[in-house]
PDB file of N, CA and C in Angstrom:
ATOM      1  N   UNK A   1     -18.019  11.681  13.573  1.00  0.00           N
ATOM      2  CA  UNK A   1     -18.912  10.976  12.763  1.00  0.00           C
ATOM      3  C   UNK A   1     -18.411   9.666  12.351  1.00  0.00           C
ATOM      4  N   UNK A   2     -19.286   8.967  12.322  1.00  0.00           N
ATOM      5  CA  UNK A   2     -18.873   7.444  11.968  1.00  0.00           C
ATOM      6  C   UNK A   2     -19.878   7.292  10.728  1.00  0.00           C
ATOM      7  N   UNK A   3     -19.131   6.394   9.632  1.00  0.00           N
ATOM      8  CA  UNK A   3     -19.807   6.076   8.602  1.00  0.00           C
ATOM      9  C   UNK A   3     -20.938   5.215   8.694  1.00  0.00           C
ATOM     10  N   UNK A   4     -22.208   5.477   8.373  1.00  0.00           N
ATOM     11  CA  UNK A   4     -23.097   4.614   8.282  1.00  0.00           C
ATOM     12  C   UNK A   4     -22.899   3.239   8.306  1.00  0.00           C
ATOM     13  N   UNK A   5     -23.437   2.367   8.995  1.00  0.00           N
ATOM     14  CA  UNK A   5     -23.316   1.008   9.346  1.00  0.00           C
ATOM     15  C   UNK A   5     -22.861   0.015   7.897  1.00  0.00           C
ATOM     16  N   UNK A   6     -23.717   0.403   7.096  1.00  0.00           N
ATOM     17  CA  UNK A   6     -23.397  -0.558   5.736  1.00  0.00           C
ATOM     18  C   UNK A   6     -22.529  -0.089   5.012  1.00  0.00           C
ATOM     19  N   UNK A   7     -21.984   1.460   5.380  1.00  0.00           N
ATOM     20  CA  UNK A   7     -20.911   1.799   4.411  1.00  0.00           C
ATOM     21  C   UNK A   7     -19.497   1.030   5.443  1.00  0.00           C
ATOM     22  N   UNK A   8     -19.713   1.073   6.840  1.00  0.00           N
ATOM     23  CA  UNK A   8     -18.606   0.740   7.484  1.00  0.00           C
ATOM     24  C   UNK A   8     -18.356  -0.789   7.206  1.00  0.00           C
ATOM     25  N   UNK A   9     -19.471  -1.474   7.181  1.00  0.00           N
ATOM     26  CA  UNK A   9     -19.267  -3.093   6.813  1.00  0.00           C
ATOM     27  C   UNK A   9     -18.708  -3.235   5.645  1.00  0.00           C
ATOM     28  N   UNK A  10     -18.957  -2.448   4.533  1.00  0.00           N
ATOM     29  CA  UNK A  10     -18.502  -2.836   3.108  1.00  0.00           C
ATOM     30  C   UNK A  10     -16.874  -2.123   2.999  1.00  0.00           C
ATOM     31  N   UNK A  11     -16.683  -1.213   3.764  1.00  0.00           N
ATOM     32  CA  UNK A  11     -15.313  -0.714   3.757  1.00  0.00           C
ATOM     33  C   UNK A  11     -14.347  -1.741   4.147  1.00  0.00           C
ATOM     34  N   UNK A  12     -14.766  -2.254   5.439  1.00  0.00           N
ATOM     35  CA  UNK A  12     -14.126  -3.315   6.516  1.00  0.00           C
ATOM     36  C   UNK A  12     -13.932  -4.421   5.336  1.00  0.00           C
ATOM     37  N   UNK A  13     -14.965  -4.896   4.688  1.00  0.00           N
ATOM     38  CA  UNK A  13     -15.041  -6.412   3.885  1.00  0.00           C
ATOM     39  C   UNK A  13     -14.004  -5.912   2.649  1.00  0.00           C
ATOM     40  N   UNK A  14     -14.024  -4.673   2.160  1.00  0.00           N
ATOM     41  CA  UNK A  14     -12.993  -4.447   0.995  1.00  0.00           C
ATOM     42  C   UNK A  14     -11.680  -4.333   1.524  1.00  0.00           C
ATOM     43  N   UNK A  15     -11.291  -3.879   2.697  1.00  0.00           N
ATOM     44  CA  UNK A  15     -10.055  -3.893   3.103  1.00  0.00           C
ATOM     45  C   UNK A  15      -9.573  -5.354   3.439  1.00  0.00           C
ATOM     46  N   UNK A  16     -10.348  -6.190   4.061  1.00  0.00           N
ATOM     47  CA  UNK A  16     -10.082  -7.466   3.995  1.00  0.00           C
ATOM     48  C   UNK A  16      -9.613  -8.260   2.897  1.00  0.00           C
ATOM     49  N   UNK A  17     -10.537  -7.729   1.659  1.00  0.00           N
ATOM     50  CA  UNK A  17     -10.170  -8.400   0.382  1.00  0.00           C
ATOM     51  C   UNK A  17      -8.731  -8.140  -0.253  1.00  0.00           C
ATOM     52  N   UNK A  18      -8.430  -6.733  -0.030  1.00  0.00           N
ATOM     53  CA  UNK A  18      -7.073  -6.226  -0.198  1.00  0.00           C
ATOM     54  C   UNK A  18      -5.911  -6.861   0.309  1.00  0.00           C
ATOM     55  N   UNK A  19      -6.197  -7.373   1.908  1.00  0.00           N
ATOM     56  CA  UNK A  19      -5.411  -7.993   2.537  1.00  0.00           C
ATOM     57  C   UNK A  19      -5.253  -9.533   2.006  1.00  0.00           C
ATOM     58  N   UNK A  20      -5.962 -10.218   1.581  1.00  0.00           N
ATOM     59  CA  UNK A  20      -6.186 -11.585   0.989  1.00  0.00           C
ATOM     60  C   UNK A  20      -5.343 -11.321  -0.401  1.00  0.00           C
ATOM     61  N   UNK A  21      -5.509 -10.199  -1.230  1.00  0.00           N
ATOM     62  CA  UNK A  21      -4.637 -10.181  -2.295  1.00  0.00           C
ATOM     63  C   UNK A  21      -3.072  -9.948  -1.868  1.00  0.00           C
ATOM     64  N   UNK A  22      -2.809  -9.209  -0.842  1.00  0.00           N
ATOM     65  CA  UNK A  22      -1.493  -9.038  -0.323  1.00  0.00           C
ATOM     66  C   UNK A  22      -1.032 -10.209   0.096  1.00  0.00           C
ATOM     67  N   UNK A  23      -1.939 -11.269   0.781  1.00  0.00           N
ATOM     68  CA  UNK A  23      -1.374 -12.492   1.168  1.00  0.00           C
ATOM     69  C   UNK A  23      -0.733 -13.268  -0.391  1.00  0.00           C
ATOM     70  N   UNK A  24      -1.791 -13.372  -1.085  1.00  0.00           N
ATOM     71  CA  UNK A  24      -1.730 -13.721  -2.106  1.00  0.00           C
ATOM     72  C   UNK A  24       0.035 -13.501  -3.034  1.00  0.00           C
ATOM     73  N   UNK A  25       0.263 -12.409  -3.145  1.00  0.00           N
ATOM     74  CA  UNK A  25       1.153 -11.585  -3.756  1.00  0.00           C
ATOM     75  C   UNK A  25       2.418 -12.137  -2.643  1.00  0.00           C
ATOM     76  N   UNK A  26       2.334 -12.038  -1.689  1.00  0.00           N
ATOM     77  CA  UNK A  26       3.479 -12.663  -0.594  1.00  0.00           C
ATOM     78  C   UNK A  26       4.008 -14.175  -1.204  1.00  0.00           C
ATOM     79  N   UNK A  27       2.847 -14.931  -1.468  1.00  0.00           N
ATOM     80  CA  UNK A  27       3.333 -16.293  -2.102  1.00  0.00           C
ATOM     81  C   UNK A  27       3.883 -15.874  -3.267  1.00  0.00           C
ATOM     82  N   UNK A  28       3.546 -15.130  -3.973  1.00  0.00           N
ATOM     83  CA  UNK A  28       4.326 -14.920  -5.431  1.00  0.00           C
ATOM     84  C   UNK A  28       5.764 -14.494  -5.254  1.00  0.00           C
ATOM     85  N   UNK A  29       5.730 -13.550  -4.069  1.00  0.00           N
ATOM     86  CA  UNK A  29       7.152 -13.191  -3.908  1.00  0.00           C
ATOM     87  C   UNK A  29       8.323 -14.183  -3.646  1.00  0.00           C
ATOM     88  N   UNK A  30       7.692 -14.993  -2.790  1.00  0.00           N
ATOM     89  CA  UNK A  30       8.586 -16.421  -2.404  1.00  0.00           C
ATOM     90  C   UNK A  30       9.007 -17.212  -3.464  1.00  0.00           C
ATOM     91  N   UNK A  31       7.990 -17.161  -4.502  1.00  0.00           N
ATOM     92  CA  UNK A  31       8.504 -17.959  -5.692  1.00  0.00           C
ATOM     93  C   UNK A  31       9.626 -16.961  -6.386  1.00  0.00           C
ATOM     94  N   UNK A  32       9.279 -15.662  -6.800  1.00  0.00           N
ATOM     95  CA  UNK A  32      10.236 -14.964  -7.247  1.00  0.00           C
ATOM     96  C   UNK A  32      11.375 -14.662  -6.921  1.00  0.00           C
ATOM     97  N   UNK A  33      11.580 -14.855  -5.607  1.00  0.00           N
ATOM     98  CA  UNK A  33      12.660 -14.644  -4.709  1.00  0.00           C
ATOM     99  C   UNK A  33      13.659 -15.913  -4.913  1.00  0.00           C
ATOM    100  N   UNK A  34      13.100 -17.030  -5.132  1.00  0.00           N
ATOM    101  CA  UNK A  34      13.811 -18.494  -5.190  1.00  0.00           C
ATOM    102  C   UNK A  34      14.303 -18.174  -6.898  1.00  0.00           C
ATOM    103  N   UNK A  35      13.497 -17.792  -7.607  1.00  0.00           N
ATOM    104  CA  UNK A  35      13.833 -17.739  -9.373  1.00  0.00           C
ATOM    105  C   UNK A  35      14.967 -16.353  -9.386  1.00  0.00           C
ATOM    106  N   UNK A  36      14.944 -15.235  -8.458  1.00  0.00           N
ATOM    107  CA  UNK A  36      16.055 -14.678  -8.809  1.00  0.00           C
ATOM    108  C   UNK A  36      17.468 -15.135  -8.058  1.00  0.00           C
ATOM    109  N   UNK A  37      17.237 -15.931  -7.407  1.00  0.00           N
ATOM    110  CA  UNK A  37      18.352 -16.519  -6.823  1.00  0.00           C
ATOM    111  C   UNK A  37      19.131 -17.689  -7.585  1.00  0.00           C
ATOM    112  N   UNK A  38      18.291 -17.987  -8.490  1.00  0.00           N
ATOM    113  CA  UNK A  38      18.650 -19.090  -9.526  1.00  0.00           C
ATOM    114  C   UNK A  38      19.384 -18.195 -10.747  1.00  0.00           C
ATOM    115  N   UNK A  39      18.785 -17.171 -10.936  1.00  0.00           N
ATOM    116  CA  UNK A  39      19.093 -16.261 -12.099  1.00  0.00           C
ATOM    117  C   UNK A  39      20.531 -16.122 -12.412  1.00  0.00           C
ATOM    118  N   UNK A  40      21.369 -16.459 -13.729  1.00  0.00           N
ATOM    119  CA  UNK A  40      22.670 -16.142 -13.985  1.00  0.00           C
ATOM    120  C   UNK A  40      22.838 -14.804 -13.272  1.00  0.00           C
ATOM    121  N   UNK A  41      24.213 -14.628 -12.712  1.00  0.00           N
ATOM    122  CA  UNK A  41      24.764 -13.516 -12.002  1.00  0.00           C
ATOM    123  C   UNK A  41      24.420 -12.136 -12.679  1.00  0.00           C
ATOM    124  N   UNK A  42      24.656 -12.257 -14.196  1.00  0.00           N
ATOM    125  CA  UNK A  42      24.749 -11.112 -14.672  1.00  0.00           C
ATOM    126  C   UNK A  42      23.142 -10.933 -14.738  1.00  0.00           C
ATOM    127  N   UNK A  43      22.196 -11.410 -14.579  1.00  0.00           N
ATOM    128  CA  UNK A  43      20.854 -10.899 -14.826  1.00  0.00           C
ATOM    129  C   UNK A  43      20.334 -10.838 -13.303  1.00  0.00           C
ATOM    130  N   UNK A  44      20.941 -10.928 -12.372  1.00  0.00           N
ATOM    131  CA  UNK A  44      20.264 -11.060 -10.798  1.00  0.00           C
ATOM    132  C   UNK A  44      19.797  -9.349 -10.365  1.00  0.00           C
ATOM    133  N   UNK A  45      20.825  -8.422 -10.747  1.00  0.00           N
ATOM    134  CA  UNK A  45      20.366  -6.767 -10.182  1.00  0.00           C
ATOM    135  C   UNK A  45      18.928  -6.548 -10.992  1.00  0.00           C
ATOM    136  N   UNK A  46      18.738  -7.098 -12.119  1.00  0.00           N
ATOM    137  CA  UNK A  46      17.640  -6.350 -12.936  1.00  0.00           C
ATOM    138  C   UNK A  46      16.587  -7.356 -12.368  1.00  0.00           C
ATOM    139  N   UNK A  47      16.565  -8.641 -12.279  1.00  0.00           N
ATOM    140  CA  UNK A  47      15.589  -9.443 -11.482  1.00  0.00           C
ATOM    141  C   UNK A  47      15.330  -8.741 -10.469  1.00  0.00           C
ATOM    142  N   UNK A  48      16.346  -8.384  -9.498  1.00  0.00           N
ATOM    143  CA  UNK A  48      15.824  -8.232  -8.106  1.00  0.00           C
ATOM    144  C   UNK A  48      15.337  -6.730  -7.983  1.00  0.00           C
ATOM    145  N   UNK A  49      15.767  -5.993  -9.151  1.00  0.00           N
ATOM    146  CA  UNK A  49      14.896  -4.708  -9.229  1.00  0.00           C
ATOM    147  C   UNK A  49      13.513  -4.740  -9.355  1.00  0.00           C
ATOM    148  N   UNK A  50      13.444  -5.936 -10.494  1.00  0.00           N
ATOM    149  CA  UNK A  50      11.800  -6.170 -10.897  1.00  0.00           C
ATOM    150  C   UNK A  50      11.268  -6.877  -9.799  1.00  0.00           C
ATOM    151  N   UNK A  51      11.589  -7.815  -9.108  1.00  0.00           N
ATOM    152  CA  UNK A  51      10.962  -8.521  -7.963  1.00  0.00           C
ATOM    153  C   UNK A  51      10.793  -7.503  -6.806  1.00  0.00           C
ATOM    154  N   UNK A  52      11.541  -6.394  -6.682  1.00  0.00           N
ATOM    155  CA  UNK A  52      11.181  -5.378  -5.206  1.00  0.00           C
ATOM    156  C   UNK A  52       9.888  -4.790  -5.726  1.00  0.00           C
ATOM    157  N   UNK A  53       9.260  -4.762  -7.206  1.00  0.00           N
ATOM    158  CA  UNK A  53       7.984  -4.127  -7.272  1.00  0.00           C
ATOM    159  C   UNK A  53       6.870  -4.919  -6.704  1.00  0.00           C
ATOM    160  N   UNK A  54       7.239  -6.009  -6.436  1.00  0.00           N
ATOM    161  CA  UNK A  54       6.194  -7.067  -5.698  1.00  0.00           C
ATOM    162  C   UNK A  54       6.179  -6.615  -4.259  1.00  0.00           C
ATOM    163  N   UNK A  55       7.242  -6.396  -3.658  1.00  0.00           N
ATOM    164  CA  UNK A  55       7.025  -6.054  -2.387  1.00  0.00           C
ATOM    165  C   UNK A  55       6.343  -4.525  -2.092  1.00  0.00           C
ATOM    166  N   UNK A  56       6.693  -3.522  -3.082  1.00  0.00           N
ATOM    167  CA  UNK A  56       6.180  -2.459  -2.995  1.00  0.00           C
ATOM    168  C   UNK A  56       4.615  -2.371  -3.120  1.00  0.00           C
ATOM    169  N   UNK A  57       4.191  -3.416  -4.101  1.00  0.00           N
ATOM    170  CA  UNK A  57       2.637  -3.412  -4.028  1.00  0.00           C
ATOM    171  C   UNK A  57       2.174  -3.960  -3.023  1.00  0.00           C
ATOM    172  N   UNK A  58       2.751  -5.248  -2.331  1.00  0.00           N
ATOM    173  CA  UNK A  58       2.283  -5.195  -0.906  1.00  0.00           C
ATOM    174  C   UNK A  58       1.884  -4.191   0.365  1.00  0.00           C
ATOM    175  N   UNK A  59       2.864  -3.443   0.163  1.00  0.00           N
ATOM    176  CA  UNK A  59       3.022  -2.199   1.200  1.00  0.00           C
ATOM    177  C   UNK A  59       1.790  -1.530   0.389  1.00  0.00           C
ATOM    178  N   UNK A  60       1.604  -1.195  -0.757  1.00  0.00           N
ATOM    179  CA  UNK A  60       0.586  -0.103  -1.208  1.00  0.00           C
ATOM    180  C   UNK A  60      -0.508  -0.864  -0.785  1.00  0.00           C
ATOM    181  N   UNK A  61      -1.050  -2.083  -0.838  1.00  0.00           N
ATOM    182  CA  UNK A  61      -2.378  -2.966  -0.618  1.00  0.00           C
ATOM    183  C   UNK A  61      -2.597  -2.780   0.933  1.00  0.00           C
ATOM    184  N   UNK A  62      -1.505  -3.075   1.624  1.00  0.00           N
ATOM    185  CA  UNK A  62      -1.484  -2.830   2.837  1.00  0.00           C
ATOM    186  C   UNK A  62      -1.988  -1.628   3.585  1.00  0.00           C
ATOM    187  N   UNK A  63      -1.406  -0.453   2.752  1.00  0.00           N
ATOM    188  CA  UNK A  63      -1.729   1.094   3.344  1.00  0.00           C
ATOM    189  C   UNK A  63      -3.384   1.494   2.713  1.00  0.00           C
ATOM    190  N   UNK A  64      -3.640   0.994   1.478  1.00  0.00           N
ATOM    191  CA  UNK A  64      -5.013   1.223   1.121  1.00  0.00           C
ATOM    192  C   UNK A  64      -6.088   0.481   2.135  1.00  0.00           C
ATOM    193  N   UNK A  65      -5.829  -0.598   2.465  1.00  0.00           N
ATOM    194  CA  UNK A  65      -6.501  -1.152   3.693  1.00  0.00           C
ATOM    195  C   UNK A  65      -6.703  -0.795   4.938  1.00  0.00           C
ATOM    196  N   UNK A  66      -5.696  -0.005   5.141  1.00  0.00           N
ATOM    197  CA  UNK A  66      -5.736   0.630   6.422  1.00  0.00           C
ATOM    198  C   UNK A  66      -6.669   1.913   6.097  1.00  0.00           C
ATOM    199  N   UNK A  67      -6.223   2.587   5.359  1.00  0.00           N
ATOM    200  CA  UNK A  67      -7.311   3.817   5.009  1.00  0.00           C
ATOM    201  C   UNK A  67      -8.768   3.318   4.880  1.00  0.00           C
ATOM    202  N   UNK A  68      -9.163   2.158   4.338  1.00  0.00           N
ATOM    203  CA  UNK A  68     -10.622   1.904   4.162  1.00  0.00           C
ATOM    204  C   UNK A  68     -11.187   1.559   5.772  1.00  0.00           C
ATOM    205  N   UNK A  69     -10.339   0.926   6.428  1.00  0.00           N
ATOM    206  CA  UNK A  69     -10.539   0.570   7.562  1.00  0.00           C
ATOM    207  C   UNK A  69     -10.854   1.763   8.424  1.00  0.00           C
ATOM    208  N   UNK A  70      -9.822   2.859   8.311  1.00  0.00           N
ATOM    209  CA  UNK A  70     -10.295   4.217   9.176  1.00  0.00           C
ATOM    210  C   UNK A  70     -11.202   4.664   8.843  1.00  0.00           C
ATOM    211  N   UNK A  71     -11.391   4.762   7.349  1.00  0.00           N
ATOM    212  CA  UNK A  71     -12.889   5.573   7.118  1.00  0.00           C
ATOM    213  C   UNK A  71     -14.132   4.633   7.623  1.00  0.00           C
ATOM    214  N   UNK A  72     -14.085   3.297   7.578  1.00  0.00           N
ATOM    215  CA  UNK A  72     -15.061   2.749   8.011  1.00  0.00           C
ATOM    216  C   UNK A  72     -15.380   2.823   9.415  1.00  0.00           C
ATOM    217  N   UNK A  73     -14.307   3.387  10.140  1.00  0.00           N
ATOM    218  CA  UNK A  73     -14.273   3.209  11.640  1.00  0.00           C
ATOM    219  C   UNK A  73     -14.636   4.853  12.175  1.00  0.00           C
ATOM    220  N   UNK A  74     -14.876   5.577  11.061  1.00  0.00           N
ATOM    221  CA  UNK A  74     -15.426   6.906  11.178  1.00  0.00           C
ATOM    222  C   UNK A  74     -14.537   8.465  10.963  1.00  0.00           C
ATOM    223  N   UNK A  75     -13.204   7.809  10.660  1.00  0.00           N
ATOM    224  CA  UNK A  75     -12.364   8.738  10.545  1.00  0.00           C
ATOM    225  C   UNK A  75     -12.533   9.650   9.382  1.00  0.00           C
ATOM    226  N   UNK A  76     -12.094  10.535   9.125  1.00  0.00           N
ATOM    227  CA  UNK A  76     -12.352  11.533   8.259  1.00  0.00           C
ATOM    228  C   UNK A  76     -11.451  11.488   6.960  1.00  0.00           C
ATOM    229  N   UNK A  77     -11.753  11.672   5.782  1.00  0.00           N
ATOM    230  CA  UNK A  77     -10.871  11.269   4.476  1.00  0.00           C
ATOM    231  C   UNK A  77      -9.559  12.111   4.869  1.00  0.00           C
ATOM    232  N   UNK A  78      -9.730  13.340   5.460  1.00  0.00           N
ATOM    233  CA  UNK A  78      -8.053  13.734   5.500  1.00  0.00           C
ATOM    234  C   UNK A  78      -7.473  12.998   6.767  1.00  0.00           C
ATOM    235  N   UNK A  79      -8.035  12.546   7.809  1.00  0.00           N
ATOM    236  CA  UNK A  79      -7.382  11.964   8.854  1.00  0.00           C
ATOM    237  C   UNK A  79      -6.812  10.592   8.196  1.00  0.00           C
ATOM    238  N   UNK A  80      -7.998   9.874   7.393  1.00  0.00           N
ATOM    239  CA  UNK A  80      -7.328   8.651   6.957  1.00  0.00           C
ATOM    240  C   UNK A  80      -6.044   8.699   6.171  1.00  0.00           C
ATOM    241  N   UNK A  81      -6.150   9.716   5.381  1.00  0.00           N
ATOM    242  CA  UNK A  81      -4.844   9.637   4.169  1.00  0.00           C
ATOM    243  C   UNK A  81      -3.548  10.214   5.310  1.00  0.00           C
ATOM    244  N   UNK A  82      -3.863  11.086   6.242  1.00  0.00           N
ATOM    245  CA  UNK A  82      -2.873  11.656   7.009  1.00  0.00           C
ATOM    246  C   UNK A  82      -1.946  10.719   7.724  1.00  0.00           C
ATOM    247  N   UNK A  83      -2.635   9.478   7.737  1.00  0.00           N
ATOM    248  CA  UNK A  83      -2.061   8.346   8.556  1.00  0.00           C
ATOM    249  C   UNK A  83      -1.115   7.372   7.689  1.00  0.00           C
ATOM    250  N   UNK A  84      -1.173   7.594   6.344  1.00  0.00           N
ATOM    251  CA  UNK A  84      -0.897   6.947   5.793  1.00  0.00           C
ATOM    252  C   UNK A  84       0.659   6.866   5.790  1.00  0.00           C
ATOM    253  N   UNK A  85       1.403   5.640   5.806  1.00  0.00           N
ATOM    254  CA  UNK A  85       2.947   5.603   5.917  1.00  0.00           C
ATOM    255  C   UNK A  85       3.754   5.586   4.730  1.00  0.00           C
ATOM    256  N   UNK A  86       2.971   5.700   3.654  1.00  0.00           N
ATOM    257  CA  UNK A  86       3.509   5.781   2.397  1.00  0.00           C
ATOM    258  C   UNK A  86       3.393   7.044   2.022  1.00  0.00           C
ATOM    259  N   UNK A  87       4.429   7.982   2.102  1.00  0.00           N
ATOM    260  CA  UNK A  87       4.051   9.501   1.936  1.00  0.00           C
ATOM    261  C   UNK A  87       3.869   9.644   0.330  1.00  0.00           C
ATOM    262  N   UNK A  88       4.336   8.863  -0.780  1.00  0.00           N
ATOM    263  CA  UNK A  88       3.973   9.357  -2.065  1.00  0.00           C
ATOM    264  C   UNK A  88       2.675   8.871  -2.251  1.00  0.00           C
ATOM    265  N   UNK A  89       2.057   7.610  -1.745  1.00  0.00           N
ATOM    266  CA  UNK A  89       0.573   7.729  -1.781  1.00  0.00           C
ATOM    267  C   UNK A  89      -0.238   8.641  -1.324  1.00  0.00           C
ATOM    268  N   UNK A  90       0.210   8.975   0.065  1.00  0.00           N
ATOM    269  CA  UNK A  90      -0.622  10.101   0.768  1.00  0.00           C
ATOM    270  C   UNK A  90      -0.571  11.118  -0.058  1.00  0.00           C
ATOM    271  N   UNK A  91       0.619  11.625  -0.810  1.00  0.00           N
ATOM    272  CA  UNK A  91       0.635  12.995  -1.568  1.00  0.00           C
ATOM    273  C   UNK A  91      -0.567  12.739  -2.879  1.00  0.00           C
ATOM    274  N   UNK A  92      -0.676  11.639  -3.410  1.00  0.00           N
ATOM    275  CA  UNK A  92      -1.486  11.178  -4.477  1.00  0.00           C
ATOM    276  C   UNK A  92      -2.953  11.422  -3.692  1.00  0.00           C
ATOM    277  N   UNK A  93      -3.349  10.868  -2.907  1.00  0.00           N
ATOM    278  CA  UNK A  93      -4.725  10.728  -2.077  1.00  0.00           C
ATOM    279  C   UNK A  93      -5.054  12.091  -1.575  1.00  0.00           C
ATOM    280  N   UNK A  94      -4.345  13.058  -1.142  1.00  0.00           N
ATOM    281  CA  UNK A  94      -4.763  14.115  -0.411  1.00  0.00           C
ATOM    282  C   UNK A  94      -5.691  15.264  -1.210  1.00  0.00           C
ATOM    283  N   UNK A  95      -5.254  15.306  -2.494  1.00  0.00           N
ATOM    284  CA  UNK A  95      -6.538  15.967  -3.335  1.00  0.00           C
ATOM    285  C   UNK A  95      -7.974  15.685  -3.109  1.00  0.00           C
ATOM    286  N   UNK A  96      -7.985  14.385  -3.094  1.00  0.00           N
ATOM    287  CA  UNK A  96      -9.040  13.777  -3.035  1.00  0.00           C
ATOM    288  C   UNK A  96      -9.875  13.627  -1.898  1.00  0.00           C
ATOM    289  N   UNK A  97      -8.841  13.821  -1.043  1.00  0.00           N
ATOM    290  CA  UNK A  97      -9.621  13.808   0.696  1.00  0.00           C
ATOM    291  C   UNK A  97      -9.607  15.546   1.244  1.00  0.00           C
ATOM    292  N   UNK A  98      -9.488  16.633   0.082  1.00  0.00           N
ATOM    293  CA  UNK A  98      -9.944  17.748   0.333  1.00  0.00           C
ATOM    294  C   UNK A  98      -8.629  18.493   0.932  1.00  0.00           C
ATOM    295  N   UNK A  99      -7.420  17.949   0.660  1.00  0.00           N
ATOM    296  CA  UNK A  99      -6.233  18.747   1.073  1.00  0.00           C
ATOM    297  C   UNK A  99      -5.150  19.050  -0.176  1.00  0.00           C
ATOM    298  N   UNK A 100      -4.319  19.917   0.144  1.00  0.00           N
ATOM    299  CA  UNK A 100      -3.198  20.229  -0.985  1.00  0.00           C
ATOM    300  C   UNK A 100      -2.438  19.279  -0.912  1.00  0.00           C
ATOM    301  N   UNK A 101      -1.594  18.948  -1.816  1.00  0.00           N
ATOM    302  CA  UNK A 101      -0.448  18.353  -2.064  1.00  0.00           C
ATOM    303  C   UNK A 101       0.684  19.195  -1.252  1.00  0.00           C
ATOM    304  N   UNK A 102       1.615  18.662  -0.477  1.00  0.00           N
ATOM    305  CA  UNK A 102       2.558  19.121  -0.028  1.00  0.00           C
ATOM    306  C   UNK A 102       3.551  19.764  -1.049  1.00  0.00           C
ATOM    307  N   UNK A 103       4.206  20.971  -0.875  1.00  0.00           N
ATOM    308  CA  UNK A 103       5.071  21.394  -1.615  1.00  0.00           C
ATOM    309  C   UNK A 103       6.389  20.549  -1.937  1.00  0.00           C
ATOM    310  N   UNK A 104       6.807  19.954  -1.115  1.00  0.00           N
ATOM    311  CA  UNK A 104       8.338  19.002  -0.742  1.00  0.00           C
ATOM    312  C   UNK A 104       7.923  17.623  -0.408  1.00  0.00           C
ATOM    313  N   UNK A 105       8.520  16.740  -1.331  1.00  0.00           N
ATOM    314  CA  UNK A 105       8.499  15.432  -1.146  1.00  0.00           C
ATOM    315  C   UNK A 105       9.837  14.988  -0.665  1.00  0.00           C
ATOM    316  N   UNK A 106      10.788  15.956   0.370  1.00  0.00           N
ATOM    317  CA  UNK A 106      11.877  15.410   1.008  1.00  0.00           C
ATOM    318  C   UNK A 106      11.763  14.388   1.974  1.00  0.00           C
ATOM    319  N   UNK A 107      10.463  13.921   2.587  1.00  0.00           N
ATOM    320  CA  UNK A 107      10.367  12.935   3.386  1.00  0.00           C
ATOM    321  C   UNK A 107       9.574  11.739   2.712  1.00  0.00           C
ATOM    322  N   UNK A 108       9.769  11.522   1.615  1.00  0.00           N
ATOM    323  CA  UNK A 108       9.163  10.646   0.571  1.00  0.00           C
ATOM    324  C   UNK A 108       9.839   9.249   0.399  1.00  0.00           C
ATOM    325  N   UNK A 109      10.700   8.962   1.439  1.00  0.00           N
ATOM    326  CA  UNK A 109      11.617   7.680   1.139  1.00  0.00           C
ATOM    327  C   UNK A 109      11.496   6.799   2.008  1.00  0.00           C
ATOM    328  N   UNK A 110       9.995   6.317   2.318  1.00  0.00           N
ATOM    329  CA  UNK A 110       9.698   5.651   3.473  1.00  0.00           C
ATOM    330  C   UNK A 110       9.126   4.265   3.017  1.00  0.00           C
ATOM    331  N   UNK A 111       9.307   4.218   1.636  1.00  0.00           N
ATOM    332  CA  UNK A 111       9.022   2.811   1.004  1.00  0.00           C
ATOM    333  C   UNK A 111      10.126   1.827   1.151  1.00  0.00           C
ATOM    334  N   UNK A 112       9.779   0.492   1.910  1.00  0.00           N
ATOM    335  CA  UNK A 112      10.901  -0.295   2.597  1.00  0.00           C
ATOM    336  C   UNK A 112      10.883  -1.468   1.436  1.00  0.00           C
ATOM    337  N   UNK A 113      12.221  -1.713   0.782  1.00  0.00           N
ATOM    338  CA  UNK A 113      12.267  -2.671  -0.151  1.00  0.00           C
ATOM    339  C   UNK A 113      12.962  -4.010   0.493  1.00  0.00           C
ATOM    340  N   UNK A 114      12.925  -5.094  -0.050  1.00  0.00           N
ATOM    341  CA  UNK A 114      13.516  -6.205   0.730  1.00  0.00           C
ATOM    342  C   UNK A 114      14.763  -6.572  -0.095  1.00  0.00           C
TER     343      UNK A 114
END
């Protein structure tokens, strides 16, 4: 079963917008990385940790864009969520897709930081 054309078009457009936001954050990441390198040595660990939050945001935006594209392509909510590469996000979205949260988050370490 595929989404009605007007839904599919809107979902694709929203997915595109999320990717544009992601590109904007990529530019900010470059600026922040430069600032972290210039930070005093004693402040770098904390600055780096905060900078990594931007990378996590870009990964989340990309994952959400993928969910919207799958839904627009006719995937069921359950299928779209099951293909998420970010286990923590998938766990949060499963109830809305009609699934139960898994009991264990043992495999939730898939967030990649720079």
